[in-house]
Amino acid sequence: MFIISLTYRTSLDRVERFIPEHNSFLQKYYDLELFIASGRKEPRTGGIIVASARSKAEIEQIIKEDPFYIHQIADYDIVEFIPSKYNENFKFFIKD
């Protein structure tokens, strides 16, 4: 399981220009059942993606498709964690 923390490198005006493309990128990985949740940080300095993948290398490859990465809109910090306790409704997202 991974928490991907995006931190904007540019103005919010420039960020806004790429939101539609970024949302399409997100939807692709929701459809593939790899992304679990995503949203803006508060204050709006970036965003968070919670993902379920088999490896950090897989997440690093996925990020390279994000328009925010391609156009140098955001920096990415990837934190891997292994859920040891979770709500049973969340079990679907745990990859062995």
PDB file of N, CA and C in Angstrom:
ATOM      1  N   MET A   1       0.864  -1.164   0.000  1.00  0.00           N
ATOM      2  CA  MET A   1       0.000   0.000   0.000  1.00  0.00           C
ATOM      3  C   MET A   1       0.910   1.226   0.000  1.00  0.00           C
ATOM      4  N   PHE A   2       0.453   2.281  -0.649  1.00  0.00           N
ATOM      5  CA  PHE A   2       1.298   3.458  -0.808  1.00  0.00           C
ATOM      6  C   PHE A   2       0.501   4.740  -0.587  1.00  0.00           C
ATOM      7  N   ILE A   3       1.172   5.707   0.004  1.00  0.00           N
ATOM      8  CA  ILE A   3       0.661   7.069   0.071  1.00  0.00           C
ATOM      9  C   ILE A   3       1.591   7.892  -0.811  1.00  0.00           C
ATOM     10  N   ILE A   4       1.006   8.529  -1.815  1.00  0.00           N
ATOM     11  CA  ILE A   4       1.765   9.367  -2.730  1.00  0.00           C
ATOM     12  C   ILE A   4       1.394  10.808  -2.404  1.00  0.00           C
ATOM     13  N   SER A   5       2.375  11.565  -1.971  1.00  0.00           N
ATOM     14  CA  SER A   5       2.153  12.954  -1.601  1.00  0.00           C
ATOM     15  C   SER A   5       2.728  13.851  -2.694  1.00  0.00           C
ATOM     16  N   LEU A   6       1.856  14.645  -3.307  1.00  0.00           N
ATOM     17  CA  LEU A   6       2.276  15.594  -4.336  1.00  0.00           C
ATOM     18  C   LEU A   6       2.409  16.970  -3.706  1.00  0.00           C
ATOM     19  N   THR A   7       3.464  17.669  -4.056  1.00  0.00           N
ATOM     20  CA  THR A   7       3.662  19.044  -3.621  1.00  0.00           C
ATOM     21  C   THR A   7       3.851  19.893  -4.874  1.00  0.00           C
ATOM     22  N   TYR A   8       2.995  20.902  -5.027  1.00  0.00           N
ATOM     23  CA  TYR A   8       3.067  21.746  -6.206  1.00  0.00           C
ATOM     24  C   TYR A   8       4.379  22.505  -6.272  1.00  0.00           C
ATOM     25  N   ARG A   9       4.909  22.620  -7.481  1.00  0.00           N
ATOM     26  CA  ARG A   9       6.157  23.337  -7.746  1.00  0.00           C
ATOM     27  C   ARG A   9       5.896  24.663  -8.447  1.00  0.00           C
ATOM     28  N   THR A  10       4.641  24.950  -8.733  1.00  0.00           N
ATOM     29  CA  THR A  10       4.293  26.098  -9.564  1.00  0.00           C
ATOM     30  C   THR A  10       3.028  26.772  -9.036  1.00  0.00           C
ATOM     31  N   SER A  11       2.594  27.806  -9.703  1.00  0.00           N
ATOM     32  CA  SER A  11       1.408  28.556  -9.274  1.00  0.00           C
ATOM     33  C   SER A  11       0.131  27.731  -9.444  1.00  0.00           C
ATOM     34  N   LEU A  12      -0.874  28.063  -8.640  1.00  0.00           N
ATOM     35  CA  LEU A  12      -2.162  27.371  -8.762  1.00  0.00           C
ATOM     36  C   LEU A  12      -2.807  27.627 -10.124  1.00  0.00           C
ATOM     37  N   ASP A  13      -2.543  28.768 -10.734  1.00  0.00           N
ATOM     38  CA  ASP A  13      -3.064  29.029 -12.081  1.00  0.00           C
ATOM     39  C   ASP A  13      -2.552  27.977 -13.062  1.00  0.00           C
ATOM     40  N   ARG A  14      -1.280  27.664 -12.976  1.00  0.00           N
ATOM     41  CA  ARG A  14      -0.702  26.643 -13.868  1.00  0.00           C
ATOM     42  C   ARG A  14      -1.220  25.255 -13.490  1.00  0.00           C
ATOM     43  N   VAL A  15      -1.347  24.977 -12.207  1.00  0.00           N
ATOM     44  CA  VAL A  15      -1.909  23.703 -11.751  1.00  0.00           C
ATOM     45  C   VAL A  15      -3.298  23.511 -12.366  1.00  0.00           C
ATOM     46  N   GLU A  16      -4.141  24.528 -12.271  1.00  0.00           N
ATOM     47  CA  GLU A  16      -5.523  24.448 -12.762  1.00  0.00           C
ATOM     48  C   GLU A  16      -5.597  24.086 -14.236  1.00  0.00           C
ATOM     49  N   ARG A  17      -4.635  24.534 -15.023  1.00  0.00           N
ATOM     50  CA  ARG A  17      -4.638  24.231 -16.464  1.00  0.00           C
ATOM     51  C   ARG A  17      -4.507  22.739 -16.733  1.00  0.00           C
ATOM     52  N   PHE A  18      -3.885  22.014 -15.821  1.00  0.00           N
ATOM     53  CA  PHE A  18      -3.635  20.592 -16.038  1.00  0.00           C
ATOM     54  C   PHE A  18      -4.582  19.680 -15.238  1.00  0.00           C
ATOM     55  N   ILE A  19      -5.518  20.258 -14.502  1.00  0.00           N
ATOM     56  CA  ILE A  19      -6.445  19.446 -13.692  1.00  0.00           C
ATOM     57  C   ILE A  19      -7.245  18.450 -14.543  1.00  0.00           C
ATOM     58  N   PRO A  20      -7.836  18.851 -15.693  1.00  0.00           N
ATOM     59  CA  PRO A  20      -8.597  17.862 -16.473  1.00  0.00           C
ATOM     60  C   PRO A  20      -7.753  16.653 -16.903  1.00  0.00           C
ATOM     61  N   GLU A  21      -6.520  16.899 -17.360  1.00  0.00           N
ATOM     62  CA  GLU A  21      -5.639  15.797 -17.753  1.00  0.00           C
ATOM     63  C   GLU A  21      -5.249  14.946 -16.545  1.00  0.00           C
ATOM     64  N   HIS A  22      -4.983  15.605 -15.430  1.00  0.00           N
ATOM     65  CA  HIS A  22      -4.627  14.892 -14.197  1.00  0.00           C
ATOM     66  C   HIS A  22      -5.800  14.011 -13.747  1.00  0.00           C
ATOM     67  N   ASN A  23      -7.015  14.528 -13.830  1.00  0.00           N
ATOM     68  CA  ASN A  23      -8.194  13.742 -13.447  1.00  0.00           C
ATOM     69  C   ASN A  23      -8.379  12.527 -14.349  1.00  0.00           C
ATOM     70  N   SER A  24      -8.075  12.665 -15.632  1.00  0.00           N
ATOM     71  CA  SER A  24      -8.145  11.507 -16.544  1.00  0.00           C
ATOM     72  C   SER A  24      -7.115  10.450 -16.159  1.00  0.00           C
ATOM     73  N   PHE A  25      -5.925  10.908 -15.810  1.00  0.00           N
ATOM     74  CA  PHE A  25      -4.880  10.003 -15.332  1.00  0.00           C
ATOM     75  C   PHE A  25      -5.367   9.252 -14.087  1.00  0.00           C
ATOM     76  N   LEU A  26      -5.912   9.995 -13.122  1.00  0.00           N
ATOM     77  CA  LEU A  26      -6.419   9.366 -11.895  1.00  0.00           C
ATOM     78  C   LEU A  26      -7.481   8.331 -12.222  1.00  0.00           C
ATOM     79  N   GLN A  27      -8.429   8.677 -13.098  1.00  0.00           N
ATOM     80  CA  GLN A  27      -9.535   7.770 -13.419  1.00  0.00           C
ATOM     81  C   GLN A  27      -9.036   6.464 -14.026  1.00  0.00           C
ATOM     82  N   LYS A  28      -8.005   6.554 -14.860  1.00  0.00           N
ATOM     83  CA  LYS A  28      -7.421   5.343 -15.455  1.00  0.00           C
ATOM     84  C   LYS A  28      -7.034   4.349 -14.357  1.00  0.00           C
ATOM     85  N   TYR A  29      -6.396   4.847 -13.318  1.00  0.00           N
ATOM     86  CA  TYR A  29      -5.923   3.943 -12.270  1.00  0.00           C
ATOM     87  C   TYR A  29      -6.998   3.599 -11.245  1.00  0.00           C
ATOM     88  N   TYR A  30      -8.051   4.403 -11.140  1.00  0.00           N
ATOM     89  CA  TYR A  30      -9.229   3.969 -10.387  1.00  0.00           C
ATOM     90  C   TYR A  30      -9.892   2.809 -11.122  1.00  0.00           C
ATOM     91  N   ASP A  31     -10.015   2.936 -12.433  1.00  0.00           N
ATOM     92  CA  ASP A  31     -10.636   1.880 -13.242  1.00  0.00           C
ATOM     93  C   ASP A  31      -9.848   0.576 -13.159  1.00  0.00           C
ATOM     94  N   LEU A  32      -8.529   0.675 -13.024  1.00  0.00           N
ATOM     95  CA  LEU A  32      -7.681  -0.512 -12.878  1.00  0.00           C
ATOM     96  C   LEU A  32      -7.606  -1.006 -11.433  1.00  0.00           C
ATOM     97  N   GLU A  33      -8.344  -0.331 -10.540  1.00  0.00           N
ATOM     98  CA  GLU A  33      -8.436  -0.678  -9.118  1.00  0.00           C
ATOM     99  C   GLU A  33      -7.091  -0.597  -8.392  1.00  0.00           C
ATOM    100  N   LEU A  34      -6.237   0.324  -8.831  1.00  0.00           N
ATOM    101  CA  LEU A  34      -4.970   0.559  -8.151  1.00  0.00           C
ATOM    102  C   LEU A  34      -5.029   1.784  -7.246  1.00  0.00           C
ATOM    103  N   PHE A  35      -5.851   2.763  -7.597  1.00  0.00           N
ATOM    104  CA  PHE A  35      -6.020   3.945  -6.753  1.00  0.00           C
ATOM    105  C   PHE A  35      -7.247   3.750  -5.877  1.00  0.00           C
ATOM    106  N   ILE A  36      -7.104   4.122  -4.610  1.00  0.00           N
ATOM    107  CA  ILE A  36      -8.156   3.925  -3.615  1.00  0.00           C
ATOM    108  C   ILE A  36      -8.819   5.243  -3.252  1.00  0.00           C
ATOM    109  N   ALA A  37      -8.023   6.281  -3.102  1.00  0.00           N
ATOM    110  CA  ALA A  37      -8.547   7.601  -2.733  1.00  0.00           C
ATOM    111  C   ALA A  37      -7.545   8.652  -3.183  1.00  0.00           C
ATOM    112  N   SER A  38      -8.064   9.849  -3.434  1.00  0.00           N
ATOM    113  CA  SER A  38      -7.180  10.961  -3.797  1.00  0.00           C
ATOM    114  C   SER A  38      -7.882  12.267  -3.481  1.00  0.00           C
ATOM    115  N   GLY A  39      -7.094  13.317  -3.340  1.00  0.00           N
ATOM    116  CA  GLY A  39      -7.690  14.619  -3.084  1.00  0.00           C
ATOM    117  C   GLY A  39      -6.633  15.667  -2.801  1.00  0.00           C
ATOM    118  N   ARG A  40      -7.118  16.888  -2.653  1.00  0.00           N
ATOM    119  CA  ARG A  40      -6.257  18.037  -2.401  1.00  0.00           C
ATOM    120  C   ARG A  40      -5.796  18.066  -0.957  1.00  0.00           C
ATOM    121  N   LYS A  41      -4.595  18.597  -0.765  1.00  0.00           N
ATOM    122  CA  LYS A  41      -4.127  18.906   0.587  1.00  0.00           C
ATOM    123  C   LYS A  41      -4.809  20.210   1.019  1.00  0.00           C
ATOM    124  N   GLU A  42      -4.912  20.386   2.308  1.00  0.00           N
ATOM    125  CA  GLU A  42      -5.455  21.628   2.862  1.00  0.00           C
ATOM    126  C   GLU A  42      -4.448  22.175   3.856  1.00  0.00           C
ATOM    127  N   PRO A  43      -3.812  23.293   3.627  1.00  0.00           N
ATOM    128  CA  PRO A  43      -4.051  24.219   2.529  1.00  0.00           C
ATOM    129  C   PRO A  43      -3.621  23.609   1.189  1.00  0.00           C
ATOM    130  N   ARG A  44      -4.045  24.217   0.115  1.00  0.00           N
ATOM    131  CA  ARG A  44      -3.873  23.648  -1.221  1.00  0.00           C
ATOM    132  C   ARG A  44      -2.434  23.819  -1.723  1.00  0.00           C
ATOM    133  N   THR A  45      -1.588  22.948  -1.241  1.00  0.00           N
ATOM    134  CA  THR A  45      -0.175  22.950  -1.633  1.00  0.00           C
ATOM    135  C   THR A  45       0.176  21.725  -2.466  1.00  0.00           C
ATOM    136  N   GLY A  46      -0.813  20.873  -2.721  1.00  0.00           N
ATOM    137  CA  GLY A  46      -0.583  19.642  -3.461  1.00  0.00           C
ATOM    138  C   GLY A  46      -1.747  18.699  -3.253  1.00  0.00           C
ATOM    139  N   GLY A  47      -1.457  17.415  -3.319  1.00  0.00           N
ATOM    140  CA  GLY A  47      -2.503  16.414  -3.167  1.00  0.00           C
ATOM    141  C   GLY A  47      -1.951  15.120  -2.617  1.00  0.00           C
ATOM    142  N   ILE A  48      -2.882  14.203  -2.369  1.00  0.00           N
ATOM    143  CA  ILE A  48      -2.549  12.875  -1.843  1.00  0.00           C
ATOM    144  C   ILE A  48      -3.250  11.834  -2.701  1.00  0.00           C
ATOM    145  N   ILE A  49      -2.539  10.749  -2.990  1.00  0.00           N
ATOM    146  CA  ILE A  49      -3.136   9.574  -3.642  1.00  0.00           C
ATOM    147  C   ILE A  49      -2.828   8.378  -2.751  1.00  0.00           C
ATOM    148  N   VAL A  50      -3.836   7.596  -2.432  1.00  0.00           N
ATOM    149  CA  VAL A  50      -3.643   6.332  -1.734  1.00  0.00           C
ATOM    150  C   VAL A  50      -3.788   5.243  -2.791  1.00  0.00           C
ATOM    151  N   ALA A  51      -2.769   4.398  -2.888  1.00  0.00           N
ATOM    152  CA  ALA A  51      -2.733   3.398  -3.957  1.00  0.00           C
ATOM    153  C   ALA A  51      -2.383   2.023  -3.411  1.00  0.00           C
ATOM    154  N   SER A  52      -2.852   1.036  -4.122  1.00  0.00           N
ATOM    155  CA  SER A  52      -2.526  -0.342  -3.793  1.00  0.00           C
ATOM    156  C   SER A  52      -1.820  -0.933  -5.015  1.00  0.00           C
ATOM    157  N   ALA A  53      -0.551  -1.238  -4.861  1.00  0.00           N
ATOM    158  CA  ALA A  53       0.228  -1.818  -5.949  1.00  0.00           C
ATOM    159  C   ALA A  53       1.174  -2.844  -5.352  1.00  0.00           C
ATOM    160  N   ARG A  54       1.797  -3.621  -6.192  1.00  0.00           N
ATOM    161  CA  ARG A  54       2.666  -4.684  -5.704  1.00  0.00           C
ATOM    162  C   ARG A  54       4.071  -4.200  -5.345  1.00  0.00           C
ATOM    163  N   SER A  55       4.466  -3.035  -5.897  1.00  0.00           N
ATOM    164  CA  SER A  55       5.825  -2.567  -5.615  1.00  0.00           C
ATOM    165  C   SER A  55       5.940  -1.057  -5.774  1.00  0.00           C
ATOM    166  N   LYS A  56       6.969  -0.509  -5.142  1.00  0.00           N
ATOM    167  CA  LYS A  56       7.252   0.917  -5.298  1.00  0.00           C
ATOM    168  C   LYS A  56       7.634   1.209  -6.746  1.00  0.00           C
ATOM    169  N   ALA A  57       8.331   0.289  -7.382  1.00  0.00           N
ATOM    170  CA  ALA A  57       8.721   0.472  -8.787  1.00  0.00           C
ATOM    171  C   ALA A  57       7.481   0.633  -9.667  1.00  0.00           C
ATOM    172  N   GLU A  58       6.432  -0.124  -9.379  1.00  0.00           N
ATOM    173  CA  GLU A  58       5.187   0.007 -10.139  1.00  0.00           C
ATOM    174  C   GLU A  58       4.590   1.400  -9.953  1.00  0.00           C
ATOM    175  N   ILE A  59       4.582   1.891  -8.733  1.00  0.00           N
ATOM    176  CA  ILE A  59       4.061   3.239  -8.453  1.00  0.00           C
ATOM    177  C   ILE A  59       4.909   4.284  -9.181  1.00  0.00           C
ATOM    178  N   GLU A  60       6.218   4.121  -9.157  1.00  0.00           N
ATOM    179  CA  GLU A  60       7.098   5.071  -9.842  1.00  0.00           C
ATOM    180  C   GLU A  60       6.815   5.117 -11.339  1.00  0.00           C
ATOM    181  N   GLN A  61       6.522   3.972 -11.946  1.00  0.00           N
ATOM    182  CA  GLN A  61       6.177   3.939 -13.371  1.00  0.00           C
ATOM    183  C   GLN A  61       4.838   4.624 -13.626  1.00  0.00           C
ATOM    184  N   ILE A  62       3.868   4.382 -12.764  1.00  0.00           N
ATOM    185  CA  ILE A  62       2.542   4.991 -12.906  1.00  0.00           C
ATOM    186  C   ILE A  62       2.647   6.510 -12.830  1.00  0.00           C
ATOM    187  N   ILE A  63       3.400   7.005 -11.876  1.00  0.00           N
ATOM    188  CA  ILE A  63       3.547   8.448 -11.686  1.00  0.00           C
ATOM    189  C   ILE A  63       4.076   9.128 -12.953  1.00  0.00           C
ATOM    190  N   LYS A  64       4.932   8.450 -13.687  1.00  0.00           N
ATOM    191  CA  LYS A  64       5.507   9.038 -14.900  1.00  0.00           C
ATOM    192  C   LYS A  64       4.448   9.358 -15.954  1.00  0.00           C
ATOM    193  N   GLU A  65       3.251   8.801 -15.813  1.00  0.00           N
ATOM    194  CA  GLU A  65       2.152   9.079 -16.737  1.00  0.00           C
ATOM    195  C   GLU A  65       1.332  10.303 -16.322  1.00  0.00           C
ATOM    196  N   ASP A  66       1.512  10.754 -15.104  1.00  0.00           N
ATOM    197  CA  ASP A  66       0.715  11.873 -14.591  1.00  0.00           C
ATOM    198  C   ASP A  66       1.130  13.169 -15.289  1.00  0.00           C
ATOM    199  N   PRO A  67       0.183  13.896 -15.866  1.00  0.00           N
ATOM    200  CA  PRO A  67       0.516  15.191 -16.468  1.00  0.00           C
ATOM    201  C   PRO A  67       1.223  16.140 -15.490  1.00  0.00           C
ATOM    202  N   PHE A  68       0.927  16.034 -14.215  1.00  0.00           N
ATOM    203  CA  PHE A  68       1.629  16.863 -13.226  1.00  0.00           C
ATOM    204  C   PHE A  68       3.117  16.509 -13.180  1.00  0.00           C
ATOM    205  N   TYR A  69       3.441  15.249 -13.421  1.00  0.00           N
ATOM    206  CA  TYR A  69       4.845  14.822 -13.481  1.00  0.00           C
ATOM    207  C   TYR A  69       5.460  15.250 -14.815  1.00  0.00           C
ATOM    208  N   ILE A  70       4.769  14.964 -15.895  1.00  0.00           N
ATOM    209  CA  ILE A  70       5.262  15.252 -17.243  1.00  0.00           C
ATOM    210  C   ILE A  70       5.585  16.738 -17.415  1.00  0.00           C
ATOM    211  N   HIS A  71       4.709  17.603 -16.894  1.00  0.00           N
ATOM    212  CA  HIS A  71       4.869  19.049 -17.063  1.00  0.00           C
ATOM    213  C   HIS A  71       5.526  19.721 -15.856  1.00  0.00           C
ATOM    214  N   GLN A  72       6.116  18.912 -14.971  1.00  0.00           N
ATOM    215  CA  GLN A  72       6.852  19.406 -13.798  1.00  0.00           C
ATOM    216  C   GLN A  72       6.002  20.340 -12.926  1.00  0.00           C
ATOM    217  N   ILE A  73       4.753  19.928 -12.725  1.00  0.00           N
ATOM    218  CA  ILE A  73       3.819  20.681 -11.889  1.00  0.00           C
ATOM    219  C   ILE A  73       4.019  20.346 -10.409  1.00  0.00           C
ATOM    220  N   ALA A  74       4.408  19.086 -10.126  1.00  0.00           N
ATOM    221  CA  ALA A  74       4.488  18.636  -8.735  1.00  0.00           C
ATOM    222  C   ALA A  74       5.703  17.747  -8.511  1.00  0.00           C
ATOM    223  N   ASP A  75       6.152  17.743  -7.265  1.00  0.00           N
ATOM    224  CA  ASP A  75       7.128  16.773  -6.779  1.00  0.00           C
ATOM    225  C   ASP A  75       6.345  15.668  -6.075  1.00  0.00           C
ATOM    226  N   TYR A  76       6.902  14.471  -6.042  1.00  0.00           N
ATOM    227  CA  TYR A  76       6.222  13.305  -5.494  1.00  0.00           C
ATOM    228  C   TYR A  76       7.045  12.682  -4.377  1.00  0.00           C
ATOM    229  N   ASP A  77       6.376  12.346  -3.291  1.00  0.00           N
ATOM    230  CA  ASP A  77       6.989  11.605  -2.198  1.00  0.00           C
ATOM    231  C   ASP A  77       6.156  10.343  -2.019  1.00  0.00           C
ATOM    232  N   ILE A  78       6.793   9.195  -2.133  1.00  0.00           N
ATOM    233  CA  ILE A  78       6.088   7.913  -2.042  1.00  0.00           C
ATOM    234  C   ILE A  78       6.429   7.258  -0.712  1.00  0.00           C
ATOM    235  N   VAL A  79       5.398   6.930   0.059  1.00  0.00           N
ATOM    236  CA  VAL A  79       5.576   6.231   1.328  1.00  0.00           C
ATOM    237  C   VAL A  79       4.887   4.876   1.207  1.00  0.00           C
ATOM    238  N   GLU A  80       5.655   3.825   1.377  1.00  0.00           N
ATOM    239  CA  GLU A  80       5.087   2.477   1.362  1.00  0.00           C
ATOM    240  C   GLU A  80       4.784   2.059   2.789  1.00  0.00           C
ATOM    241  N   PHE A  81       3.633   1.425   2.983  1.00  0.00           N
ATOM    242  CA  PHE A  81       3.324   0.872   4.295  1.00  0.00           C
ATOM    243  C   PHE A  81       2.578  -0.434   4.125  1.00  0.00           C
ATOM    244  N   ILE A  82       2.673  -1.260   5.143  1.00  0.00           N
ATOM    245  CA  ILE A  82       2.000  -2.551   5.146  1.00  0.00           C
ATOM    246  C   ILE A  82       0.900  -2.489   6.185  1.00  0.00           C
ATOM    247  N   PRO A  83      -0.367  -2.458   5.737  1.00  0.00           N
ATOM    248  CA  PRO A  83      -1.474  -2.389   6.698  1.00  0.00           C
ATOM    249  C   PRO A  83      -1.487  -3.624   7.593  1.00  0.00           C
ATOM    250  N   SER A  84      -1.450  -3.402   8.881  1.00  0.00           N
ATOM    251  CA  SER A  84      -1.528  -4.515   9.826  1.00  0.00           C
ATOM    252  C   SER A  84      -2.880  -4.560  10.524  1.00  0.00           C
ATOM    253  N   LYS A  85      -3.603  -3.467  10.464  1.00  0.00           N
ATOM    254  CA  LYS A  85      -4.939  -3.397  11.036  1.00  0.00           C
ATOM    255  C   LYS A  85      -5.775  -2.503  10.132  1.00  0.00           C
ATOM    256  N   TYR A  86      -6.984  -2.946   9.829  1.00  0.00           N
ATOM    257  CA  TYR A  86      -7.842  -2.180   8.931  1.00  0.00           C
ATOM    258  C   TYR A  86      -9.284  -2.653   9.067  1.00  0.00           C
ATOM    259  N   ASN A  87     -10.196  -1.799   8.685  1.00  0.00           N
ATOM    260  CA  ASN A  87     -11.613  -2.133   8.648  1.00  0.00           C
ATOM    261  C   ASN A  87     -11.819  -3.254   7.631  1.00  0.00           C
ATOM    262  N   GLU A  88     -12.635  -4.227   7.926  1.00  0.00           N
ATOM    263  CA  GLU A  88     -12.866  -5.352   7.018  1.00  0.00           C
ATOM    264  C   GLU A  88     -13.370  -4.900   5.640  1.00  0.00           C
ATOM    265  N   ASN A  89     -14.081  -3.783   5.584  1.00  0.00           N
ATOM    266  CA  ASN A  89     -14.546  -3.268   4.288  1.00  0.00           C
ATOM    267  C   ASN A  89     -13.371  -2.836   3.406  1.00  0.00           C
ATOM    268  N   PHE A  90     -12.230  -2.621   3.999  1.00  0.00           N
ATOM    269  CA  PHE A  90     -11.040  -2.170   3.309  1.00  0.00           C
ATOM    270  C   PHE A  90     -10.229  -3.362   2.740  1.00  0.00           C
ATOM    271  N   LYS A  91     -10.537  -4.572   3.165  1.00  0.00           N
ATOM    272  CA  LYS A  91      -9.770  -5.771   2.823  1.00  0.00           C
ATOM    273  C   LYS A  91      -9.594  -5.945   1.320  1.00  0.00           C
ATOM    274  N   PHE A  92     -10.582  -5.541   0.546  1.00  0.00           N
ATOM    275  CA  PHE A  92     -10.531  -5.667  -0.917  1.00  0.00           C
ATOM    276  C   PHE A  92      -9.266  -5.023  -1.479  1.00  0.00           C
ATOM    277  N   PHE A  93      -8.784  -3.956  -0.857  1.00  0.00           N
ATOM    278  CA  PHE A  93      -7.662  -3.201  -1.391  1.00  0.00           C
ATOM    279  C   PHE A  93      -6.299  -3.743  -0.988  1.00  0.00           C
ATOM    280  N   ILE A  94      -6.256  -4.705  -0.091  1.00  0.00           N
ATOM    281  CA  ILE A  94      -4.988  -5.238   0.390  1.00  0.00           C
ATOM    282  C   ILE A  94      -4.479  -6.263  -0.616  1.00  0.00           C
ATOM    283  N   LYS A  95      -3.279  -6.010  -1.140  1.00  0.00           N
ATOM    284  CA  LYS A  95      -2.657  -6.932  -2.092  1.00  0.00           C
ATOM    285  C   LYS A  95      -1.605  -7.754  -1.353  1.00  0.00           C
ATOM    286  N   ASP A  96      -1.676  -9.056  -1.527  1.00  0.00           N
ATOM    287  CA  ASP A  96      -0.682  -9.938  -0.885  1.00  0.00           C
ATOM    288  C   ASP A  96       0.554 -10.059  -1.736  1.00  0.00           C
TER     289      ASP A  96
END
